[in-house]
Amino acid sequence: MVTCYLRYVIDPQKLEEFEQYAKLWIPLVNKFGGQHHGYFLPSEGANNIALALFTFPSLAEYETYRKDSFKDPECLAAFEHAKKTNCVISYERSFFKPVLK
């Protein structure tokens, strides 16, 4: 099992656009076999940082999702939304494995 942690730097003036982007991706990750744990938008503190967490059974399955997402019309529409609105300034991706016991 591998959990992807995404840290976004967003345009705080485009929070609604970013939230729409987030809502597009949650079902898409699930559609490709992952489990989305949600997006976390700024509340207190920094107003330009957002987070997302989702899990795939393995890194190989995550990599298949990434490859396939670039061919999926719904994923391409989500990518286009972010590009068109410029709500995402940058992001970084890290991977973690859980310790459950």
N, C-alpha and C. Protein backbone atom coordinates (compact mmCIF):
# COMPACT_ATOMS: atom_id res chain seq x y z
N MET A 1 0.84 -1.17 0.00
CA MET A 1 0.00 0.00 0.00
C MET A 1 0.89 1.24 0.00
N VAL A 2 0.51 2.24 -0.80
CA VAL A 2 1.27 3.47 -0.87
C VAL A 2 0.30 4.65 -0.87
N THR A 3 0.61 5.65 -0.05
CA THR A 3 -0.21 6.85 0.01
C THR A 3 0.54 8.00 -0.63
N CYS A 4 -0.13 8.65 -1.55
CA CYS A 4 0.43 9.82 -2.22
C CYS A 4 -0.01 11.07 -1.46
N TYR A 5 0.96 11.88 -1.12
CA TYR A 5 0.74 13.16 -0.43
C TYR A 5 1.07 14.24 -1.45
N LEU A 6 0.08 15.07 -1.75
CA LEU A 6 0.29 16.18 -2.67
C LEU A 6 0.18 17.48 -1.89
N ARG A 7 1.20 18.31 -2.02
CA ARG A 7 1.19 19.64 -1.40
C ARG A 7 1.14 20.65 -2.54
N TYR A 8 0.06 21.40 -2.59
CA TYR A 8 -0.14 22.39 -3.63
C TYR A 8 0.15 23.79 -3.12
N VAL A 9 0.77 24.59 -3.95
CA VAL A 9 0.79 26.04 -3.76
C VAL A 9 -0.27 26.55 -4.73
N ILE A 10 -1.27 27.20 -4.17
CA ILE A 10 -2.40 27.65 -4.97
C ILE A 10 -2.50 29.17 -4.96
N ASP A 11 -3.25 29.70 -5.90
CA ASP A 11 -3.55 31.12 -5.92
C ASP A 11 -4.69 31.36 -4.94
N PRO A 12 -4.47 32.07 -3.84
CA PRO A 12 -5.53 32.24 -2.84
C PRO A 12 -6.73 33.02 -3.38
N GLN A 13 -6.55 33.73 -4.47
CA GLN A 13 -7.67 34.44 -5.09
C GLN A 13 -8.53 33.50 -5.94
N LYS A 14 -8.07 32.26 -6.11
CA LYS A 14 -8.78 31.28 -6.94
C LYS A 14 -9.12 30.02 -6.15
N LEU A 15 -9.47 30.23 -4.90
CA LEU A 15 -9.80 29.10 -4.03
C LEU A 15 -11.02 28.32 -4.55
N GLU A 16 -12.02 29.02 -5.04
CA GLU A 16 -13.20 28.33 -5.56
C GLU A 16 -12.84 27.47 -6.78
N GLU A 17 -11.98 27.98 -7.63
CA GLU A 17 -11.55 27.22 -8.81
C GLU A 17 -10.76 25.98 -8.40
N PHE A 18 -9.91 26.14 -7.37
CA PHE A 18 -9.15 24.99 -6.89
C PHE A 18 -10.09 23.96 -6.26
N GLU A 19 -11.06 24.42 -5.50
CA GLU A 19 -12.01 23.48 -4.89
C GLU A 19 -12.76 22.70 -5.96
N GLN A 20 -13.13 23.35 -7.05
CA GLN A 20 -13.78 22.65 -8.15
C GLN A 20 -12.85 21.60 -8.74
N TYR A 21 -11.57 21.97 -8.92
CA TYR A 21 -10.55 21.03 -9.40
C TYR A 21 -10.47 19.81 -8.48
N ALA A 22 -10.42 20.06 -7.17
CA ALA A 22 -10.34 18.98 -6.19
C ALA A 22 -11.54 18.04 -6.31
N LYS A 23 -12.72 18.61 -6.45
CA LYS A 23 -13.93 17.79 -6.54
C LYS A 23 -13.95 16.95 -7.82
N LEU A 24 -13.27 17.41 -8.85
CA LEU A 24 -13.16 16.60 -10.08
C LEU A 24 -12.29 15.37 -9.85
N TRP A 25 -11.19 15.52 -9.08
CA TRP A 25 -10.22 14.44 -8.95
C TRP A 25 -10.62 13.34 -7.97
N ILE A 26 -11.40 13.66 -6.96
CA ILE A 26 -11.72 12.64 -5.96
C ILE A 26 -12.35 11.40 -6.60
N PRO A 27 -13.42 11.55 -7.40
CA PRO A 27 -13.99 10.33 -8.01
C PRO A 27 -13.08 9.70 -9.06
N LEU A 28 -12.21 10.49 -9.67
CA LEU A 28 -11.32 9.94 -10.69
C LEU A 28 -10.28 9.01 -10.08
N VAL A 29 -9.71 9.39 -8.96
CA VAL A 29 -8.75 8.51 -8.29
C VAL A 29 -9.45 7.20 -7.91
N ASN A 30 -10.67 7.32 -7.39
CA ASN A 30 -11.43 6.13 -7.01
C ASN A 30 -11.74 5.27 -8.24
N LYS A 31 -12.08 5.91 -9.35
CA LYS A 31 -12.38 5.21 -10.60
C LYS A 31 -11.20 4.34 -11.05
N PHE A 32 -9.99 4.80 -10.80
CA PHE A 32 -8.79 4.08 -11.24
C PHE A 32 -8.23 3.13 -10.17
N GLY A 33 -9.02 2.85 -9.14
CA GLY A 33 -8.63 1.84 -8.16
C GLY A 33 -7.97 2.36 -6.91
N GLY A 34 -7.88 3.68 -6.77
CA GLY A 34 -7.33 4.25 -5.56
C GLY A 34 -8.41 4.55 -4.55
N GLN A 35 -7.99 4.99 -3.39
CA GLN A 35 -8.92 5.46 -2.37
C GLN A 35 -8.51 6.88 -2.01
N HIS A 36 -9.36 7.83 -2.34
CA HIS A 36 -9.06 9.23 -2.06
C HIS A 36 -9.44 9.54 -0.63
N HIS A 37 -8.56 10.23 0.08
CA HIS A 37 -8.81 10.60 1.47
C HIS A 37 -9.20 12.07 1.60
N GLY A 38 -9.29 12.75 0.48
CA GLY A 38 -9.76 14.13 0.48
C GLY A 38 -8.70 15.15 0.18
N TYR A 39 -9.19 16.32 -0.13
CA TYR A 39 -8.36 17.52 -0.28
C TYR A 39 -8.55 18.34 0.97
N PHE A 40 -7.53 19.08 1.34
CA PHE A 40 -7.56 19.91 2.53
C PHE A 40 -7.19 21.32 2.09
N LEU A 41 -8.17 22.22 2.22
CA LEU A 41 -8.01 23.59 1.76
C LEU A 41 -7.56 24.49 2.90
N PRO A 42 -6.97 25.63 2.58
CA PRO A 42 -6.52 26.55 3.63
C PRO A 42 -7.68 26.96 4.54
N SER A 43 -7.37 27.05 5.82
CA SER A 43 -8.36 27.50 6.79
C SER A 43 -7.73 28.58 7.67
N GLU A 44 -6.79 28.18 8.48
CA GLU A 44 -6.02 29.13 9.30
C GLU A 44 -4.56 29.01 8.88
N GLY A 45 -3.80 30.04 9.08
CA GLY A 45 -2.39 30.00 8.69
C GLY A 45 -2.23 30.40 7.23
N ALA A 46 -1.32 29.72 6.54
CA ALA A 46 -1.04 30.05 5.15
C ALA A 46 -2.31 29.92 4.30
N ASN A 47 -2.54 30.91 3.44
CA ASN A 47 -3.75 30.90 2.62
C ASN A 47 -3.50 30.38 1.21
N ASN A 48 -2.29 29.89 0.96
CA ASN A 48 -1.95 29.43 -0.40
C ASN A 48 -1.45 27.99 -0.45
N ILE A 49 -1.70 27.22 0.61
CA ILE A 49 -1.28 25.82 0.65
C ILE A 49 -2.50 24.92 0.79
N ALA A 50 -2.58 23.92 -0.07
CA ALA A 50 -3.63 22.91 0.00
C ALA A 50 -2.97 21.54 -0.08
N LEU A 51 -3.64 20.54 0.45
CA LEU A 51 -3.09 19.18 0.49
C LEU A 51 -4.10 18.19 -0.06
N ALA A 52 -3.61 17.06 -0.54
CA ALA A 52 -4.46 15.95 -0.93
C ALA A 52 -3.74 14.66 -0.54
N LEU A 53 -4.53 13.66 -0.17
CA LEU A 53 -4.00 12.34 0.18
C LEU A 53 -4.86 11.28 -0.50
N PHE A 54 -4.19 10.33 -1.12
CA PHE A 54 -4.91 9.18 -1.66
C PHE A 54 -3.98 7.98 -1.68
N THR A 55 -4.59 6.80 -1.63
CA THR A 55 -3.85 5.56 -1.48
C THR A 55 -4.15 4.61 -2.64
N PHE A 56 -3.10 3.92 -3.08
CA PHE A 56 -3.24 2.83 -4.05
C PHE A 56 -2.65 1.58 -3.41
N PRO A 57 -3.12 0.41 -3.85
CA PRO A 57 -2.60 -0.83 -3.27
C PRO A 57 -1.09 -1.01 -3.43
N SER A 58 -0.51 -0.41 -4.49
CA SER A 58 0.93 -0.53 -4.70
C SER A 58 1.41 0.66 -5.53
N LEU A 59 2.70 0.88 -5.53
CA LEU A 59 3.27 1.94 -6.36
C LEU A 59 3.06 1.63 -7.84
N ALA A 60 3.12 0.35 -8.21
CA ALA A 60 2.89 -0.04 -9.60
C ALA A 60 1.47 0.34 -10.04
N GLU A 61 0.48 0.13 -9.16
CA GLU A 61 -0.90 0.50 -9.51
C GLU A 61 -1.06 2.02 -9.59
N TYR A 62 -0.36 2.74 -8.74
CA TYR A 62 -0.36 4.20 -8.84
C TYR A 62 0.22 4.63 -10.19
N GLU A 63 1.34 4.03 -10.58
CA GLU A 63 1.98 4.40 -11.84
C GLU A 63 1.08 4.08 -13.04
N THR A 64 0.32 3.00 -12.96
CA THR A 64 -0.65 2.68 -14.02
C THR A 64 -1.73 3.75 -14.07
N TYR A 65 -2.22 4.16 -12.91
CA TYR A 65 -3.22 5.25 -12.84
C TYR A 65 -2.67 6.51 -13.48
N ARG A 66 -1.45 6.88 -13.15
CA ARG A 66 -0.85 8.11 -13.72
C ARG A 66 -0.78 8.01 -15.24
N LYS A 67 -0.31 6.89 -15.75
CA LYS A 67 -0.19 6.69 -17.20
C LYS A 67 -1.57 6.76 -17.86
N ASP A 68 -2.52 6.05 -17.28
CA ASP A 68 -3.87 6.00 -17.86
C ASP A 68 -4.60 7.33 -17.74
N SER A 69 -4.29 8.12 -16.72
CA SER A 69 -4.98 9.40 -16.53
C SER A 69 -4.71 10.37 -17.68
N PHE A 70 -3.58 10.22 -18.34
CA PHE A 70 -3.25 11.11 -19.45
C PHE A 70 -3.97 10.73 -20.75
N LYS A 71 -4.76 9.64 -20.68
CA LYS A 71 -5.56 9.21 -21.83
C LYS A 71 -7.05 9.28 -21.55
N ASP A 72 -7.44 9.53 -20.32
CA ASP A 72 -8.84 9.52 -19.91
C ASP A 72 -9.47 10.91 -20.12
N PRO A 73 -10.61 10.98 -20.82
CA PRO A 73 -11.24 12.28 -21.10
C PRO A 73 -11.60 13.08 -19.84
N GLU A 74 -12.07 12.40 -18.78
CA GLU A 74 -12.42 13.12 -17.55
C GLU A 74 -11.18 13.68 -16.86
N CYS A 75 -10.11 12.92 -16.85
CA CYS A 75 -8.86 13.39 -16.27
C CYS A 75 -8.29 14.55 -17.08
N LEU A 76 -8.35 14.42 -18.39
CA LEU A 76 -7.86 15.50 -19.25
C LEU A 76 -8.65 16.77 -19.02
N ALA A 77 -9.95 16.66 -18.78
CA ALA A 77 -10.78 17.83 -18.49
C ALA A 77 -10.36 18.47 -17.16
N ALA A 78 -10.03 17.65 -16.17
CA ALA A 78 -9.57 18.18 -14.88
C ALA A 78 -8.24 18.89 -15.03
N PHE A 79 -7.31 18.29 -15.78
CA PHE A 79 -6.03 18.96 -16.05
C PHE A 79 -6.26 20.30 -16.74
N GLU A 80 -7.17 20.31 -17.70
CA GLU A 80 -7.47 21.53 -18.46
C GLU A 80 -8.08 22.61 -17.56
N HIS A 81 -8.91 22.21 -16.62
CA HIS A 81 -9.51 23.18 -15.69
C HIS A 81 -8.41 23.90 -14.90
N ALA A 82 -7.46 23.15 -14.38
CA ALA A 82 -6.37 23.76 -13.62
C ALA A 82 -5.54 24.69 -14.50
N LYS A 83 -5.28 24.25 -15.72
CA LYS A 83 -4.50 25.06 -16.66
C LYS A 83 -5.24 26.35 -17.02
N LYS A 84 -6.52 26.21 -17.34
CA LYS A 84 -7.33 27.35 -17.78
C LYS A 84 -7.50 28.39 -16.66
N THR A 85 -7.69 27.92 -15.43
CA THR A 85 -7.94 28.84 -14.32
C THR A 85 -6.67 29.31 -13.61
N ASN A 86 -5.56 28.62 -13.85
CA ASN A 86 -4.30 28.94 -13.15
C ASN A 86 -4.46 28.93 -11.64
N CYS A 87 -5.28 28.01 -11.14
CA CYS A 87 -5.50 27.94 -9.69
C CYS A 87 -4.35 27.24 -8.98
N VAL A 88 -3.61 26.39 -9.69
CA VAL A 88 -2.45 25.69 -9.12
C VAL A 88 -1.18 26.39 -9.60
N ILE A 89 -0.40 26.88 -8.66
CA ILE A 89 0.87 27.52 -9.00
C ILE A 89 1.96 26.45 -9.13
N SER A 90 1.99 25.54 -8.17
CA SER A 90 2.94 24.43 -8.22
C SER A 90 2.48 23.34 -7.26
N TYR A 91 3.10 22.18 -7.38
CA TYR A 91 2.79 21.10 -6.45
C TYR A 91 4.00 20.21 -6.31
N GLU A 92 4.02 19.47 -5.21
CA GLU A 92 5.05 18.47 -4.99
C GLU A 92 4.36 17.20 -4.53
N ARG A 93 4.92 16.09 -4.92
CA ARG A 93 4.33 14.78 -4.66
C ARG A 93 5.32 13.94 -3.87
N SER A 94 4.83 13.32 -2.80
CA SER A 94 5.64 12.40 -2.01
C SER A 94 4.82 11.14 -1.75
N PHE A 95 5.51 10.05 -1.46
CA PHE A 95 4.84 8.78 -1.23
C PHE A 95 5.22 8.24 0.15
N PHE A 96 4.22 7.65 0.80
CA PHE A 96 4.41 7.12 2.14
C PHE A 96 3.75 5.75 2.25
N LYS A 97 4.30 4.92 3.11
CA LYS A 97 3.63 3.66 3.41
C LYS A 97 3.17 3.75 4.86
N PRO A 98 1.95 3.29 5.12
CA PRO A 98 1.40 3.42 6.46
C PRO A 98 1.97 2.40 7.44
N VAL A 99 2.01 2.79 8.67
CA VAL A 99 2.29 1.88 9.78
C VAL A 99 0.96 1.73 10.52
N LEU A 100 0.38 0.56 10.45
CA LEU A 100 -0.97 0.37 10.97
C LEU A 100 -1.01 -0.35 12.31
N LYS A 101 0.05 -1.03 12.67
CA LYS A 101 0.09 -1.74 13.95
C LYS A 101 1.41 -1.51 14.62
